[in-house]
């Protein structure tokens, strides 16, 4: 029985997945605390668990839309005790969706750990080459809790074609 289990693990490790051009998805989370983030600083989602289409860069923490289409983006974040965090999912520096979490003072709250988690998602048209990331939205100096409590992910729902309208007439 142990041999069959070990063989199964070895065969899964050897699997190579080939994604098609329009099969685009990514999932990432923080591997450590993101401390002292400045206003508009990128939240460093550096642990990538899925990167179908290789459009998410774990160094810059930015997703670059490889094709024009309708995408779904989502993020969650966890605030530390006594801290408030506001972030935004942005496309080319324009806010797409905002997130908020405010850790409680456990002495006043009476129970629990005092952490708080915020989540948001949105569906949007994204043109090829546009950049999408999560940034600190509010004031400087806050900490985002690491692990899978603070995530950033997205996927292509469907690809669309865009065209330039033809204008007929005299100019």
Protein backbone atom coordinates (compact mmCIF):
# COMPACT_ATOMS: atom_id res chain seq x y z
CA UNK A 1 0.00 0.00 0.00
CA UNK A 2 2.81 2.42 0.82
CA UNK A 3 4.40 1.77 -2.59
CA UNK A 4 1.17 2.60 -4.44
CA UNK A 5 0.86 5.83 -2.44
CA UNK A 6 4.47 6.80 -3.14
CA UNK A 7 4.06 6.01 -6.85
CA UNK A 8 0.93 8.19 -6.97
CA UNK A 9 2.82 11.12 -5.43
CA UNK A 10 5.71 10.67 -7.89
CA UNK A 11 3.35 10.59 -10.87
CA UNK A 12 1.58 13.78 -9.76
CA UNK A 13 4.89 15.60 -9.39
CA UNK A 14 5.86 14.64 -12.93
CA UNK A 15 2.63 16.00 -14.47
CA UNK A 16 3.18 18.90 -16.83
CA UNK A 17 0.14 21.05 -17.46
CA UNK A 18 -0.09 22.87 -20.78
CA UNK A 19 -2.57 25.72 -20.67
CA UNK A 20 -4.19 27.13 -23.81
CA UNK A 21 -3.80 30.79 -24.75
CA UNK A 22 -7.15 31.74 -23.24
CA UNK A 23 -6.74 29.61 -20.09
CA UNK A 24 -5.59 32.29 -17.70
CA UNK A 25 -5.80 32.17 -13.92
CA UNK A 26 -3.61 32.99 -10.93
CA UNK A 27 -3.74 32.61 -7.16
CA UNK A 28 -1.31 34.12 -4.69
CA UNK A 29 -0.96 34.94 -1.01
CA UNK A 30 1.47 36.62 1.36
CA UNK A 31 4.33 34.50 2.66
CA UNK A 32 5.14 36.97 5.48
CA UNK A 33 3.73 40.09 7.13
CA UNK A 34 3.53 43.13 4.86
CA UNK A 35 4.60 45.78 7.39
CA UNK A 36 4.70 49.54 7.09
CA UNK A 37 3.06 49.80 3.70
CA UNK A 38 3.07 53.31 2.29
CA UNK A 39 0.09 54.89 0.58
CA UNK A 40 -0.38 53.31 -2.87
CA UNK A 41 2.41 50.78 -2.23
CA UNK A 42 1.85 47.39 -3.88
CA UNK A 43 0.91 44.60 -1.47
CA UNK A 44 3.59 41.94 -2.05
CA UNK A 45 1.61 38.76 -2.82
CA UNK A 46 4.71 36.66 -3.40
CA UNK A 47 3.59 33.06 -2.85
CA UNK A 48 2.03 31.98 -6.16
CA UNK A 49 0.07 28.73 -6.02
CA UNK A 50 -1.33 28.91 -9.58
CA UNK A 51 -0.13 30.87 -12.59
CA UNK A 52 -1.89 29.48 -15.67
CA UNK A 53 -0.76 31.59 -18.60
CA UNK A 54 2.19 33.06 -16.60
CA UNK A 55 0.59 36.51 -16.48
CA UNK A 56 1.19 37.13 -12.75
CA UNK A 57 4.68 38.31 -11.80
CA UNK A 58 5.66 37.17 -8.26
CA UNK A 59 8.50 39.72 -8.18
CA UNK A 60 6.47 42.85 -9.00
CA UNK A 61 3.19 41.31 -7.67
CA UNK A 62 1.38 42.57 -10.77
CA UNK A 63 -0.90 40.72 -13.21
CA UNK A 64 -0.60 41.79 -16.87
CA UNK A 65 -3.68 40.92 -18.95
CA UNK A 66 -2.39 38.74 -21.80
CA UNK A 67 -5.62 38.98 -23.83
CA UNK A 68 -8.55 41.37 -23.93
CA UNK A 69 -11.49 39.90 -22.08
CA UNK A 70 -13.79 39.88 -19.11
CA UNK A 71 -11.85 39.00 -15.95
CA UNK A 72 -12.76 38.26 -12.35
CA UNK A 73 -10.36 39.60 -9.70
CA UNK A 74 -10.63 39.06 -5.96
CA UNK A 75 -8.62 39.78 -2.88
CA UNK A 76 -8.84 39.18 0.84
CA UNK A 77 -6.75 40.71 3.58
CA UNK A 78 -6.44 40.27 7.30
CA UNK A 79 -5.66 43.13 9.64
CA UNK A 80 -3.66 42.66 12.84
CA UNK A 81 -5.04 43.43 16.30
CA UNK A 82 -5.37 47.19 16.88
CA UNK A 83 -4.77 47.92 13.20
CA UNK A 84 -6.91 49.00 10.27
CA UNK A 85 -6.03 48.21 6.67
CA UNK A 86 -7.63 49.51 3.48
CA UNK A 87 -6.48 48.23 0.11
CA UNK A 88 -7.74 48.43 -3.44
CA UNK A 89 -7.55 46.19 -6.47
CA UNK A 90 -6.44 48.56 -9.22
CA UNK A 91 -6.23 48.46 -13.00
CA UNK A 92 -3.60 50.80 -14.43
CA UNK A 93 -3.77 52.94 -11.25
CA UNK A 94 -7.60 53.27 -11.22
CA UNK A 95 -9.44 51.70 -8.27
CA UNK A 96 -11.54 48.69 -9.20
CA UNK A 97 -12.61 47.41 -5.78
CA UNK A 98 -11.74 48.45 -2.22
CA UNK A 99 -11.18 46.22 0.82
CA UNK A 100 -11.35 47.11 4.49
CA UNK A 101 -10.42 45.25 7.68
CA UNK A 102 -10.05 46.60 11.23
CA UNK A 103 -8.56 44.45 13.97
CA UNK A 104 -10.32 44.80 17.32
CA UNK A 105 -8.88 45.52 20.73
CA UNK A 106 -9.43 42.13 22.38
CA UNK A 107 -9.70 43.72 25.84
CA UNK A 108 -12.72 45.70 24.64
CA UNK A 109 -14.09 43.03 22.34
CA UNK A 110 -14.14 40.43 25.11
CA UNK A 111 -13.17 37.43 23.00
CA UNK A 112 -11.41 36.24 19.90
CA UNK A 113 -8.03 37.12 18.47
CA UNK A 114 -8.79 40.70 17.49
CA UNK A 115 -8.01 40.16 13.81
CA UNK A 116 -10.42 41.12 11.04
CA UNK A 117 -10.66 39.97 7.44
CA UNK A 118 -11.98 41.94 4.47
CA UNK A 119 -12.83 40.61 1.01
CA UNK A 120 -13.97 42.00 -2.31
CA UNK A 121 -14.17 40.90 -5.93
CA UNK A 122 -15.21 42.43 -9.19
CA UNK A 123 -15.83 41.55 -12.82
CA UNK A 124 -14.38 43.89 -15.42
CA UNK A 125 -13.30 44.26 -19.02
CA UNK A 126 -9.53 44.29 -19.15
CA UNK A 127 -7.63 45.11 -22.32
CA UNK A 128 -4.50 43.27 -23.37
CA UNK A 129 -1.49 44.77 -21.61
CA UNK A 130 -3.36 46.40 -18.73
CA UNK A 131 -1.81 45.94 -15.28
CA UNK A 132 -3.76 44.79 -12.22
CA UNK A 133 -2.49 44.72 -8.64
CA UNK A 134 -3.49 45.32 -5.02
CA UNK A 135 -2.20 48.43 -3.27
CA UNK A 136 -2.44 50.00 0.14
CA UNK A 137 -5.22 52.53 -0.24
CA UNK A 138 -5.34 54.55 2.95
CA UNK A 139 -2.64 55.78 5.33
CA UNK A 140 0.94 54.57 5.74
CA UNK A 141 2.35 52.19 8.29
CA UNK A 142 -0.18 49.39 8.45
CA UNK A 143 0.46 45.65 8.46
CA UNK A 144 -1.31 43.00 6.41
CA UNK A 145 -1.36 39.56 8.05
CA UNK A 146 0.37 36.81 6.02
CA UNK A 147 -0.71 33.32 4.98
CA UNK A 148 -3.79 32.34 3.05
CA UNK A 149 -5.86 34.90 4.99
CA UNK A 150 -4.45 37.58 2.66
CA UNK A 151 -4.84 36.63 -1.00
CA UNK A 152 -5.00 38.00 -4.53
CA UNK A 153 -6.34 35.97 -7.44
CA UNK A 154 -8.01 36.33 -10.80
CA UNK A 155 -9.03 34.55 -13.95
CA UNK A 156 -10.21 35.17 -17.48
CA UNK A 157 -13.95 34.58 -17.67
CA UNK A 158 -14.05 34.88 -21.45
CA UNK A 159 -12.05 36.51 -24.21
CA UNK A 160 -13.57 39.35 -26.28
CA UNK A 161 -12.63 41.07 -29.49
CA UNK A 162 -12.44 44.82 -29.69
CA UNK A 163 -12.62 46.86 -32.83
CA UNK A 164 -12.12 50.47 -33.76
CA UNK A 165 -15.37 52.00 -35.03
CA UNK A 166 -15.35 53.24 -38.60
CA UNK A 167 -16.39 56.87 -38.93
CA UNK A 168 -17.96 57.75 -42.25
CA UNK A 169 -18.32 61.33 -43.36
CA UNK A 170 -16.43 64.49 -44.24
CA UNK A 171 -13.89 66.11 -41.99
